Amino acid sequence: MNTTAPKTVLVTGASSGIGEAVAARLAEAGHHVVAGARRLDRLEALAERTDGHLHPVRLDVTDREDLTAFVATALDLTGRVDVLVSNAGVMPLSRLDSLLVDEWDRMIDVNVRGLLHGIAAALPHFTAQGSGHFVTIASVGAHEVVPTGAVYSGTKYAQWAITEGLRQESDPSIRVTTVSPGVVTSELADSITEPGAAEAMVAYRAHAISPDAIARAVAYAVDQPADVDVNEIVVRPARQR
């Protein structure tokens, strides 16, 4: 059980994978979780498993108004927003010469604009209440590039850079954390349409770890005292190099 006072935590992309694990773990620890994703039915099923601590909200992070309403929902429920976990992301890997431009655009829209929309929605409230915590779920792709991963890594580096800039610009009362997972069991790879990239991912995922490994890292950062800011965590499978 969480030993700190319950916080109001918003989690994007909470219908599966890392987002679902983060939302479930924090709700089970007694925090008030507002979980957002496009698949509301999955969020409602998750809410049934978390003993009333999770509130499901349909959310499309590419829509700035959706993020504004998402934050407003949390404020209506509890009167404050303490943590925003920006997790929503897509990963349709492909070689650049495949020219899958629509997929590139989708990654930019979800991974980069979605993060910025969340910051724009939450930052004024964090500033007004004199506290808050941004947690960005990036990737080891923010630190390395592999064939088929140029655009994806570009979006993840952008997430890392934006979050680090936010940390430097923010008042010390606002904490900022980037969590960069290695290979994790999730649905992300299911969106890969290029056959070569999909085949490479099969081998890459051989040693994938559970999404709950990332949820534990997020919970660790969230539950630190207010004067402790965990800036960056990289979590890889032990066999990943």
Protein backbone atom coordinates (compact mmCIF):
# COMPACT_ATOMS: atom_id res chain seq x y z
CA MET A 1 0.00 0.00 0.00
CA ASN A 2 1.25 3.49 -0.83
CA THR A 3 2.58 5.28 2.26
CA THR A 4 2.22 8.83 0.89
CA ALA A 5 -0.98 10.86 0.71
CA PRO A 6 -3.18 9.85 -2.23
CA LYS A 7 -2.59 11.90 -5.36
CA THR A 8 -4.75 12.63 -8.38
CA VAL A 9 -2.92 11.01 -11.27
CA LEU A 10 -3.79 11.27 -14.96
CA VAL A 11 -2.53 8.52 -17.28
CA THR A 12 -2.80 8.68 -21.07
CA GLY A 13 -2.79 5.60 -23.27
CA ALA A 14 -4.13 3.60 -20.34
CA SER A 15 -6.11 0.93 -22.21
CA SER A 16 -3.22 -1.51 -22.65
CA GLY A 17 0.46 -2.19 -22.07
CA ILE A 18 2.50 0.21 -19.97
CA GLY A 19 -0.34 2.71 -19.53
CA GLU A 20 -2.72 0.07 -18.24
CA ALA A 21 -0.06 -1.27 -15.84
CA VAL A 22 0.76 2.22 -14.54
CA ALA A 23 -2.90 3.11 -14.04
CA ALA A 24 -3.64 -0.19 -12.29
CA ARG A 25 -0.60 -0.05 -9.99
CA LEU A 26 -1.21 3.55 -8.91
CA ALA A 27 -4.93 2.96 -8.39
CA GLU A 28 -4.23 -0.15 -6.34
CA ALA A 29 -1.80 1.93 -4.25
CA GLY A 30 -4.68 4.21 -3.32
CA HIS A 31 -4.09 7.12 -5.70
CA HIS A 32 -7.04 8.65 -7.56
CA VAL A 33 -6.38 7.72 -11.19
CA VAL A 34 -8.05 9.30 -14.19
CA ALA A 35 -7.28 6.94 -17.06
CA GLY A 36 -7.56 8.10 -20.65
CA ALA A 37 -7.53 6.27 -23.97
CA ARG A 38 -9.60 5.88 -27.11
CA ARG A 39 -10.86 2.40 -26.15
CA LEU A 40 -13.28 3.29 -23.39
CA ASP A 41 -14.52 -0.29 -23.00
CA ARG A 42 -11.07 -1.41 -21.90
CA LEU A 43 -10.79 1.42 -19.43
CA GLU A 44 -14.18 0.55 -17.95
CA ALA A 45 -13.04 -3.06 -17.51
CA LEU A 46 -9.88 -1.79 -15.78
CA ALA A 47 -11.97 0.42 -13.50
CA GLU A 48 -13.93 -2.62 -12.34
CA ARG A 49 -10.69 -4.23 -11.17
CA THR A 50 -9.36 -1.27 -9.17
CA ASP A 51 -11.90 -0.90 -6.36
CA GLY A 52 -13.25 2.51 -7.32
CA HIS A 53 -9.91 4.33 -7.50
CA LEU A 54 -9.90 4.64 -11.31
CA HIS A 55 -12.10 6.88 -13.45
CA PRO A 56 -12.18 6.05 -17.20
CA VAL A 57 -12.27 8.84 -19.80
CA ARG A 58 -12.25 8.53 -23.57
CA LEU A 59 -9.22 10.47 -24.80
CA ASP A 60 -7.45 11.17 -28.09
CA VAL A 61 -4.14 12.86 -27.29
CA THR A 62 -3.87 14.28 -30.81
CA ASP A 63 -6.88 16.49 -29.98
CA ARG A 64 -5.77 19.37 -27.78
CA GLU A 65 -9.32 20.00 -26.57
CA ASP A 66 -9.52 16.39 -25.42
CA LEU A 67 -6.48 16.90 -23.17
CA THR A 68 -7.93 20.12 -21.78
CA ALA A 69 -11.17 18.30 -20.96
CA PHE A 70 -9.20 15.36 -19.51
CA VAL A 71 -7.50 17.63 -16.98
CA ALA A 72 -10.80 19.38 -16.26
CA THR A 73 -12.38 16.00 -15.45
CA ALA A 74 -9.74 15.35 -12.81
CA LEU A 75 -10.27 18.79 -11.32
CA ASP A 76 -14.02 18.19 -11.18
CA LEU A 77 -13.49 14.85 -9.43
CA THR A 78 -10.92 15.79 -6.79
CA GLY A 79 -10.28 19.53 -7.07
CA ARG A 80 -6.65 19.14 -8.12
CA VAL A 81 -4.21 17.43 -10.48
CA ASP A 82 -0.96 16.11 -9.00
CA VAL A 83 0.61 13.93 -11.69
CA LEU A 84 0.33 13.63 -15.46
CA VAL A 85 1.77 10.42 -16.92
CA SER A 86 2.14 10.99 -20.67
CA ASN A 87 2.27 7.45 -21.96
CA ALA A 88 0.21 7.35 -25.16
CA GLY A 89 2.38 6.35 -28.10
CA VAL A 90 2.55 4.43 -31.36
CA MET A 91 5.43 2.52 -32.98
CA PRO A 92 4.88 1.56 -36.65
CA LEU A 93 8.57 0.97 -37.42
CA SER A 94 9.77 1.04 -41.02
CA ARG A 95 12.76 1.89 -43.16
CA LEU A 96 12.79 5.43 -44.47
CA ASP A 97 12.93 4.22 -48.07
CA SER A 98 9.57 2.51 -47.56
CA LEU A 99 8.12 6.04 -47.57
CA LEU A 100 5.30 5.24 -45.16
CA VAL A 101 4.69 8.94 -44.66
CA ASP A 102 1.23 8.57 -43.14
CA GLU A 103 2.73 6.36 -40.44
CA TRP A 104 5.50 8.89 -39.80
CA ASP A 105 2.87 11.60 -39.40
CA ARG A 106 0.89 9.45 -36.99
CA MET A 107 3.95 8.92 -34.80
CA ILE A 108 4.64 12.65 -34.72
CA ASP A 109 1.00 13.43 -33.92
CA VAL A 110 0.66 10.93 -31.07
CA ASN A 111 4.16 10.79 -29.61
CA VAL A 112 5.17 14.45 -29.88
CA ARG A 113 2.04 16.56 -30.24
CA GLY A 114 0.24 14.38 -27.71
CA LEU A 115 2.96 15.08 -25.15
CA LEU A 116 2.86 18.81 -25.85
CA HIS A 117 -0.94 18.89 -25.58
CA GLY A 118 -0.69 17.30 -22.15
CA ILE A 119 1.90 19.79 -20.97
CA ALA A 120 -0.22 22.68 -22.23
CA ALA A 121 -3.26 21.33 -20.40
CA ALA A 122 -1.62 20.55 -17.05
CA LEU A 123 1.15 23.12 -16.62
CA PRO A 124 -1.09 26.12 -15.78
CA HIS A 125 -2.77 24.10 -13.03
CA PHE A 126 0.53 22.84 -11.60
CA THR A 127 1.81 26.41 -11.57
CA ALA A 128 -1.33 27.78 -9.90
CA GLN A 129 -1.38 25.16 -7.13
CA GLY A 130 2.40 25.32 -6.60
CA SER A 131 3.03 21.62 -7.17
CA GLY A 132 2.79 18.91 -9.79
CA HIS A 133 4.65 16.11 -11.48
CA PHE A 134 5.11 15.38 -15.18
CA VAL A 135 6.09 11.81 -16.05
CA THR A 136 6.91 11.08 -19.70
CA ILE A 137 7.14 7.50 -20.95
CA ALA A 138 9.81 7.75 -23.65
CA SER A 139 11.96 4.80 -24.79
CA VAL A 140 15.53 3.58 -25.09
CA GLY A 141 14.88 4.72 -28.65
CA ALA A 142 15.49 8.22 -27.30
CA HIS A 143 19.11 7.20 -26.73
CA GLU A 144 19.84 4.95 -29.70
CA VAL A 145 18.79 4.47 -33.33
CA VAL A 146 18.44 1.16 -35.15
CA PRO A 147 17.42 0.40 -38.76
CA THR A 148 13.63 0.85 -39.16
CA GLY A 149 13.60 3.08 -36.05
CA ALA A 150 14.65 6.47 -37.42
CA VAL A 151 11.29 8.22 -37.14
CA TYR A 152 10.25 6.44 -33.96
CA SER A 153 13.56 7.27 -32.28
CA GLY A 154 13.22 10.83 -33.55
CA THR A 155 9.87 11.17 -31.77
CA LYS A 156 11.23 9.59 -28.62
CA TYR A 157 14.27 11.85 -28.60
CA ALA A 158 11.86 14.75 -29.03
CA GLN A 159 9.94 13.52 -25.98
CA TRP A 160 13.17 13.30 -23.99
CA ALA A 161 14.29 16.78 -25.10
CA ILE A 162 10.90 18.40 -24.46
CA THR A 163 10.67 16.82 -21.02
CA GLU A 164 14.23 17.82 -20.11
CA GLY A 165 13.52 21.37 -21.26
CA LEU A 166 10.38 21.37 -19.16
CA ARG A 167 12.41 20.28 -16.15
CA GLN A 168 14.90 23.09 -16.61
CA GLU A 169 12.21 25.73 -17.12
CA SER A 170 9.88 24.64 -14.32
CA ASP A 171 9.70 25.99 -10.81
CA PRO A 172 11.30 23.58 -8.29
CA SER A 173 7.80 22.83 -6.97
CA ILE A 174 7.06 21.00 -10.24
CA ARG A 175 8.82 17.66 -10.62
CA VAL A 176 9.69 16.17 -14.01
CA THR A 177 10.59 12.56 -14.80
CA THR A 178 11.42 10.71 -18.01
CA VAL A 179 11.10 6.93 -17.97
CA SER A 180 12.74 5.16 -20.93
CA PRO A 181 11.67 1.51 -21.27
CA GLY A 182 13.55 -1.10 -23.20
CA VAL A 183 11.64 -3.90 -24.90
CA VAL A 184 8.35 -4.50 -23.08
CA THR A 185 5.44 -6.82 -23.80
CA SER A 186 2.76 -4.63 -25.41
CA GLU A 187 0.56 -4.08 -28.45
CA LEU A 188 2.89 -1.46 -29.94
CA ALA A 189 4.55 -3.86 -32.35
CA ASP A 190 1.16 -4.93 -33.72
CA SER A 191 0.98 -1.65 -35.67
CA ILE A 192 4.10 -2.46 -37.75
CA THR A 193 3.02 -2.91 -41.37
CA GLU A 194 6.42 -3.26 -43.05
CA PRO A 195 7.23 -7.02 -43.24
CA GLY A 196 10.96 -6.64 -42.61
CA ALA A 197 10.47 -4.46 -39.56
CA ALA A 198 7.81 -6.81 -38.20
CA GLU A 199 10.14 -9.81 -38.61
CA ALA A 200 13.00 -8.02 -36.87
CA MET A 201 10.72 -7.14 -33.97
CA VAL A 202 9.92 -10.82 -33.32
CA ALA A 203 13.55 -11.50 -32.38
CA TYR A 204 13.89 -8.19 -30.56
CA ARG A 205 10.93 -9.04 -28.31
CA ALA A 206 12.28 -12.44 -27.29
CA HIS A 207 13.34 -11.15 -23.86
CA ALA A 208 10.59 -8.57 -23.31
CA ILE A 209 9.74 -7.70 -19.73
CA SER A 210 6.33 -7.08 -18.22
CA PRO A 211 4.72 -3.63 -18.41
CA ASP A 212 4.52 -3.76 -14.63
CA ALA A 213 8.31 -3.33 -14.50
CA ILE A 214 7.78 0.14 -15.93
CA ALA A 215 4.78 0.77 -13.68
CA ARG A 216 6.98 0.08 -10.65
CA ALA A 217 9.50 2.64 -11.90
CA VAL A 218 6.75 5.23 -12.32
CA ALA A 219 5.35 4.48 -8.86
CA TYR A 220 8.83 4.90 -7.37
CA ALA A 221 9.22 8.36 -8.92
CA VAL A 222 5.69 9.46 -7.99
CA ASP A 223 5.97 8.35 -4.38
CA GLN A 224 9.20 10.20 -3.55
CA PRO A 225 8.99 13.14 -1.11
CA ALA A 226 8.21 16.52 -2.64
CA ASP A 227 11.85 17.64 -2.38
CA VAL A 228 13.09 14.63 -4.39
CA ASP A 229 12.88 14.80 -8.18
CA VAL A 230 13.74 11.58 -9.99
CA ASN A 231 14.69 13.01 -13.36
CA GLU A 232 15.35 9.95 -15.48
CA ILE A 233 14.98 6.18 -15.29
CA VAL A 234 16.02 3.67 -17.96
CA VAL A 235 14.52 0.19 -17.53
CA ARG A 236 15.72 -2.63 -19.81
CA PRO A 237 15.39 -6.39 -19.74
CA ALA A 238 18.55 -7.82 -18.17
CA ARG A 239 19.36 -9.51 -21.50
CA GLN A 240 18.93 -6.38 -23.61
CA ARG A 241 22.16 -4.62 -24.58
